[in-house]
Amino acid sequence: MVLAALVSLVCLEALLRGGFNYSLGFAEELTGYGVVFMTFFGAALALRGHAMFQVHFLLDTWPEGTRRWLIRAFVLIALVICVILAWKTKDLTLSSFSRGKFAPTVLRTPLWIPQIMLPAGFSVLAFFLVEQLLLTFRKSEET
């Protein structure tokens, strides 16, 4: 839905600029926010759906037990990074909120609104990483 809205907004902006020499003015700002939203939450959904790319030619050379431990190590490292980034971007968002900062654009969006996507996105990624970690232990118990 977000992608369809972004494409529609960009097409409308192009039509208005090319055909009527008029610009919406806010299209660039909103599409930027939409791209950030899709990047974070799309990555989280791709992780959950096992659609994130992996280096299979390296992983497949290892025995099953070793492969699970490599995946667990990767997930733990990624989880630590996500938690740190969620924490730091939360600080950035709270700083923008407390200082009352606005985007220097036509909409004058309070910066904490788009910035809240960062800690939320990292938190969702961390949640799905925990899920992936738990699934590696579940799979090892089944075999």
C-alpha atoms as a PDB file:
ATOM      1  CA  MET A   1       0.000   0.000   0.000  1.00  0.00           C
ATOM      2  CA  VAL A   2       2.829   2.366   0.835  1.00  0.00           C
ATOM      3  CA  LEU A   3       4.563   1.598  -2.456  1.00  0.00           C
ATOM      4  CA  ALA A   4       1.335   2.193  -4.412  1.00  0.00           C
ATOM      5  CA  ALA A   5       0.830   5.506  -2.599  1.00  0.00           C
ATOM      6  CA  LEU A   6       4.424   6.555  -3.344  1.00  0.00           C
ATOM      7  CA  VAL A   7       4.159   5.664  -7.021  1.00  0.00           C
ATOM      8  CA  SER A   8       0.842   7.527  -7.280  1.00  0.00           C
ATOM      9  CA  LEU A   9       2.269  10.592  -5.579  1.00  0.00           C
ATOM     10  CA  VAL A  10       5.369  10.654  -7.790  1.00  0.00           C
ATOM     11  CA  CYS A  11       3.275  10.175 -10.944  1.00  0.00           C
ATOM     12  CA  LEU A  12       0.913  12.961  -9.901  1.00  0.00           C
ATOM     13  CA  GLU A  13       3.869  15.239  -9.190  1.00  0.00           C
ATOM     14  CA  ALA A  14       5.433  14.447 -12.593  1.00  0.00           C
ATOM     15  CA  LEU A  15       2.110  15.024 -14.368  1.00  0.00           C
ATOM     16  CA  LEU A  16       1.527  18.344 -12.634  1.00  0.00           C
ATOM     17  CA  ARG A  17       5.078  19.549 -13.238  1.00  0.00           C
ATOM     18  CA  GLY A  18       5.228  18.450 -16.857  1.00  0.00           C
ATOM     19  CA  GLY A  19       1.699  19.315 -17.905  1.00  0.00           C
ATOM     20  CA  PHE A  20       0.737  22.284 -15.785  1.00  0.00           C
ATOM     21  CA  ASN A  21       4.050  23.692 -14.521  1.00  0.00           C
ATOM     22  CA  TYR A  22       2.809  23.220 -10.950  1.00  0.00           C
ATOM     23  CA  SER A  23       4.414  21.353  -8.058  1.00  0.00           C
ATOM     24  CA  LEU A  24       2.772  19.908  -4.977  1.00  0.00           C
ATOM     25  CA  GLY A  25       5.807  20.936  -2.959  1.00  0.00           C
ATOM     26  CA  PHE A  26       5.428  18.204  -0.378  1.00  0.00           C
ATOM     27  CA  ALA A  27       5.754  15.157  -2.629  1.00  0.00           C
ATOM     28  CA  GLU A  28       9.520  14.863  -2.212  1.00  0.00           C
ATOM     29  CA  GLU A  29       9.284  14.984   1.565  1.00  0.00           C
ATOM     30  CA  LEU A  30       6.522  12.396   1.815  1.00  0.00           C
ATOM     31  CA  THR A  31       8.186  10.011  -0.627  1.00  0.00           C
ATOM     32  CA  GLY A  32      11.386  10.223   1.415  1.00  0.00           C
ATOM     33  CA  TYR A  33       9.498   9.271   4.561  1.00  0.00           C
ATOM     34  CA  GLY A  34       7.758   6.460   2.683  1.00  0.00           C
ATOM     35  CA  VAL A  35      11.041   5.035   1.412  1.00  0.00           C
ATOM     36  CA  VAL A  36      12.461   4.961   4.948  1.00  0.00           C
ATOM     37  CA  PHE A  37       9.292   3.270   6.213  1.00  0.00           C
ATOM     38  CA  MET A  38       9.393   0.647   3.456  1.00  0.00           C
ATOM     39  CA  THR A  39      13.094  -0.003   3.975  1.00  0.00           C
ATOM     40  CA  PHE A  40      12.844  -0.752   7.681  1.00  0.00           C
ATOM     41  CA  PHE A  41       9.572  -2.609   7.774  1.00  0.00           C
ATOM     42  CA  GLY A  42      10.227  -4.341   4.449  1.00  0.00           C
ATOM     43  CA  ALA A  43      13.539  -5.633   5.790  1.00  0.00           C
ATOM     44  CA  ALA A  44      11.800  -6.915   8.904  1.00  0.00           C
ATOM     45  CA  LEU A  45       9.168  -8.729   6.847  1.00  0.00           C
ATOM     46  CA  ALA A  46      11.838 -10.136   4.532  1.00  0.00           C
ATOM     47  CA  LEU A  47      13.740 -11.438   7.548  1.00  0.00           C
ATOM     48  CA  ARG A  48      10.635 -13.069   8.931  1.00  0.00           C
ATOM     49  CA  GLY A  49       9.752 -14.606   5.585  1.00  0.00           C
ATOM     50  CA  HIS A  50      13.281 -16.000   5.142  1.00  0.00           C
ATOM     51  CA  ALA A  51      13.667 -13.815   2.058  1.00  0.00           C
ATOM     52  CA  MET A  52      16.823 -12.029   3.198  1.00  0.00           C
ATOM     53  CA  PHE A  53      19.680 -13.151   1.026  1.00  0.00           C
ATOM     54  CA  GLN A  54      22.236 -15.507   2.498  1.00  0.00           C
ATOM     55  CA  VAL A  55      25.540 -16.746   1.213  1.00  0.00           C
ATOM     56  CA  HIS A  56      24.324 -20.285   0.597  1.00  0.00           C
ATOM     57  CA  PHE A  57      27.450 -21.466  -1.199  1.00  0.00           C
ATOM     58  CA  LEU A  58      29.370 -20.869   2.036  1.00  0.00           C
ATOM     59  CA  LEU A  59      26.700 -22.018   4.490  1.00  0.00           C
ATOM     60  CA  ASP A  60      25.926 -25.201   2.573  1.00  0.00           C
ATOM     61  CA  THR A  61      29.519 -26.389   2.828  1.00  0.00           C
ATOM     62  CA  TRP A  62      29.288 -26.674   6.628  1.00  0.00           C
ATOM     63  CA  PRO A  63      27.651 -29.564   8.498  1.00  0.00           C
ATOM     64  CA  GLU A  64      24.112 -28.896   9.804  1.00  0.00           C
ATOM     65  CA  GLY A  65      25.181 -28.377  13.435  1.00  0.00           C
ATOM     66  CA  THR A  66      27.954 -25.947  12.527  1.00  0.00           C
ATOM     67  CA  ARG A  67      25.622 -24.102  10.169  1.00  0.00           C
ATOM     68  CA  ARG A  68      23.112 -23.583  12.994  1.00  0.00           C
ATOM     69  CA  TRP A  69      25.814 -22.172  15.268  1.00  0.00           C
ATOM     70  CA  LEU A  70      27.013 -19.815  12.508  1.00  0.00           C
ATOM     71  CA  ILE A  71      23.446 -18.598  11.991  1.00  0.00           C
ATOM     72  CA  ARG A  72      23.026 -18.136  15.744  1.00  0.00           C
ATOM     73  CA  ALA A  73      26.253 -16.115  15.904  1.00  0.00           C
ATOM     74  CA  PHE A  74      25.114 -13.946  13.000  1.00  0.00           C
ATOM     75  CA  VAL A  75      21.703 -13.411  14.592  1.00  0.00           C
ATOM     76  CA  LEU A  76      23.240 -12.479  17.949  1.00  0.00           C
ATOM     77  CA  ILE A  77      25.619  -9.972  16.335  1.00  0.00           C
ATOM     78  CA  ALA A  78      22.770  -8.488  14.276  1.00  0.00           C
ATOM     79  CA  LEU A  79      20.567  -8.357  17.384  1.00  0.00           C
ATOM     80  CA  VAL A  80      23.194  -6.441  19.369  1.00  0.00           C
ATOM     81  CA  ILE A  81      23.597  -3.980  16.487  1.00  0.00           C
ATOM     82  CA  CYS A  82      19.810  -3.514  16.169  1.00  0.00           C
ATOM     83  CA  VAL A  83      19.395  -2.910  19.897  1.00  0.00           C
ATOM     84  CA  ILE A  84      22.205  -0.324  19.922  1.00  0.00           C
ATOM     85  CA  LEU A  85      20.788   1.442  16.856  1.00  0.00           C
ATOM     86  CA  ALA A  86      17.241   1.370  18.277  1.00  0.00           C
ATOM     87  CA  TRP A  87      18.546   2.909  21.502  1.00  0.00           C
ATOM     88  CA  LYS A  88      20.556   5.622  19.742  1.00  0.00           C
ATOM     89  CA  THR A  89      17.798   6.539  17.282  1.00  0.00           C
ATOM     90  CA  LYS A  90      15.341   6.672  20.207  1.00  0.00           C
ATOM     91  CA  ASP A  91      17.653   9.277  21.789  1.00  0.00           C
ATOM     92  CA  LEU A  92      17.690  11.229  18.514  1.00  0.00           C
ATOM     93  CA  THR A  93      13.897  11.145  18.308  1.00  0.00           C
ATOM     94  CA  LEU A  94      13.448  12.266  21.914  1.00  0.00           C
ATOM     95  CA  SER A  95      15.987  15.059  21.375  1.00  0.00           C
ATOM     96  CA  SER A  96      14.092  16.349  18.343  1.00  0.00           C
ATOM     97  CA  PHE A  97      10.823  16.103  20.276  1.00  0.00           C
ATOM     98  CA  SER A  98      12.118  17.968  23.344  1.00  0.00           C
ATOM     99  CA  ARG A  99      13.748  20.691  21.260  1.00  0.00           C
ATOM    100  CA  GLY A 100      10.697  21.129  19.046  1.00  0.00           C
ATOM    101  CA  LYS A 101      12.629  20.746  15.799  1.00  0.00           C
ATOM    102  CA  PHE A 102      10.822  20.932  12.460  1.00  0.00           C
ATOM    103  CA  ALA A 103      11.867  19.890   8.968  1.00  0.00           C
ATOM    104  CA  PRO A 104      12.875  22.905   6.843  1.00  0.00           C
ATOM    105  CA  THR A 105      10.311  21.978   4.196  1.00  0.00           C
ATOM    106  CA  VAL A 106       6.895  23.081   2.980  1.00  0.00           C
ATOM    107  CA  LEU A 107       5.052  20.834   5.451  1.00  0.00           C
ATOM    108  CA  ARG A 108       7.274  21.820   8.405  1.00  0.00           C
ATOM    109  CA  THR A 109       6.894  18.318   9.779  1.00  0.00           C
ATOM    110  CA  PRO A 110       7.974  17.921  13.396  1.00  0.00           C
ATOM    111  CA  LEU A 111      11.162  15.867  13.004  1.00  0.00           C
ATOM    112  CA  TRP A 112      10.234  13.361  15.697  1.00  0.00           C
ATOM    113  CA  ILE A 113       7.387  12.031  13.519  1.00  0.00           C
ATOM    114  CA  PRO A 114       9.560  10.651  10.694  1.00  0.00           C
ATOM    115  CA  GLN A 115      12.404   9.902  13.105  1.00  0.00           C
ATOM    116  CA  ILE A 116      10.209   7.592  15.179  1.00  0.00           C
ATOM    117  CA  MET A 117      10.296   5.164  12.245  1.00  0.00           C
ATOM    118  CA  LEU A 118      13.967   4.464  12.990  1.00  0.00           C
ATOM    119  CA  PRO A 119      13.729   3.065  16.540  1.00  0.00           C
ATOM    120  CA  ALA A 120      10.437   1.363  15.650  1.00  0.00           C
ATOM    121  CA  GLY A 121      12.002  -0.261  12.586  1.00  0.00           C
ATOM    122  CA  PHE A 122      15.100  -1.400  14.479  1.00  0.00           C
ATOM    123  CA  SER A 123      12.883  -2.752  17.270  1.00  0.00           C
ATOM    124  CA  VAL A 124      10.780  -4.781  14.841  1.00  0.00           C
ATOM    125  CA  LEU A 125      13.959  -6.106  13.227  1.00  0.00           C
ATOM    126  CA  ALA A 126      15.287  -7.055  16.673  1.00  0.00           C
ATOM    127  CA  PHE A 127      12.016  -8.812  17.503  1.00  0.00           C
ATOM    128  CA  PHE A 128      12.204 -10.908  14.348  1.00  0.00           C
ATOM    129  CA  LEU A 129      15.890 -11.628  14.988  1.00  0.00           C
ATOM    130  CA  VAL A 130      14.950 -13.049  18.393  1.00  0.00           C
ATOM    131  CA  GLU A 131      12.334 -15.144  16.613  1.00  0.00           C
ATOM    132  CA  GLN A 132      14.983 -16.402  14.166  1.00  0.00           C
ATOM    133  CA  LEU A 133      17.304 -17.265  17.036  1.00  0.00           C
ATOM    134  CA  LEU A 134      14.598 -19.238  18.810  1.00  0.00           C
ATOM    135  CA  LEU A 135      13.753 -21.062  15.593  1.00  0.00           C
ATOM    136  CA  THR A 136      17.349 -22.260  15.240  1.00  0.00           C
ATOM    137  CA  PHE A 137      17.071 -23.966  18.634  1.00  0.00           C
ATOM    138  CA  ARG A 138      13.676 -25.400  17.766  1.00  0.00           C
ATOM    139  CA  LYS A 139      14.981 -26.915  14.553  1.00  0.00           C
ATOM    140  CA  SER A 140      17.914 -28.516  16.350  1.00  0.00           C
ATOM    141  CA  GLU A 141      15.544 -30.194  18.822  1.00  0.00           C
ATOM    142  CA  GLU A 142      13.407 -31.639  16.007  1.00  0.00           C
ATOM    143  CA  THR A 143      16.302 -33.432  14.267  1.00  0.00           C
END
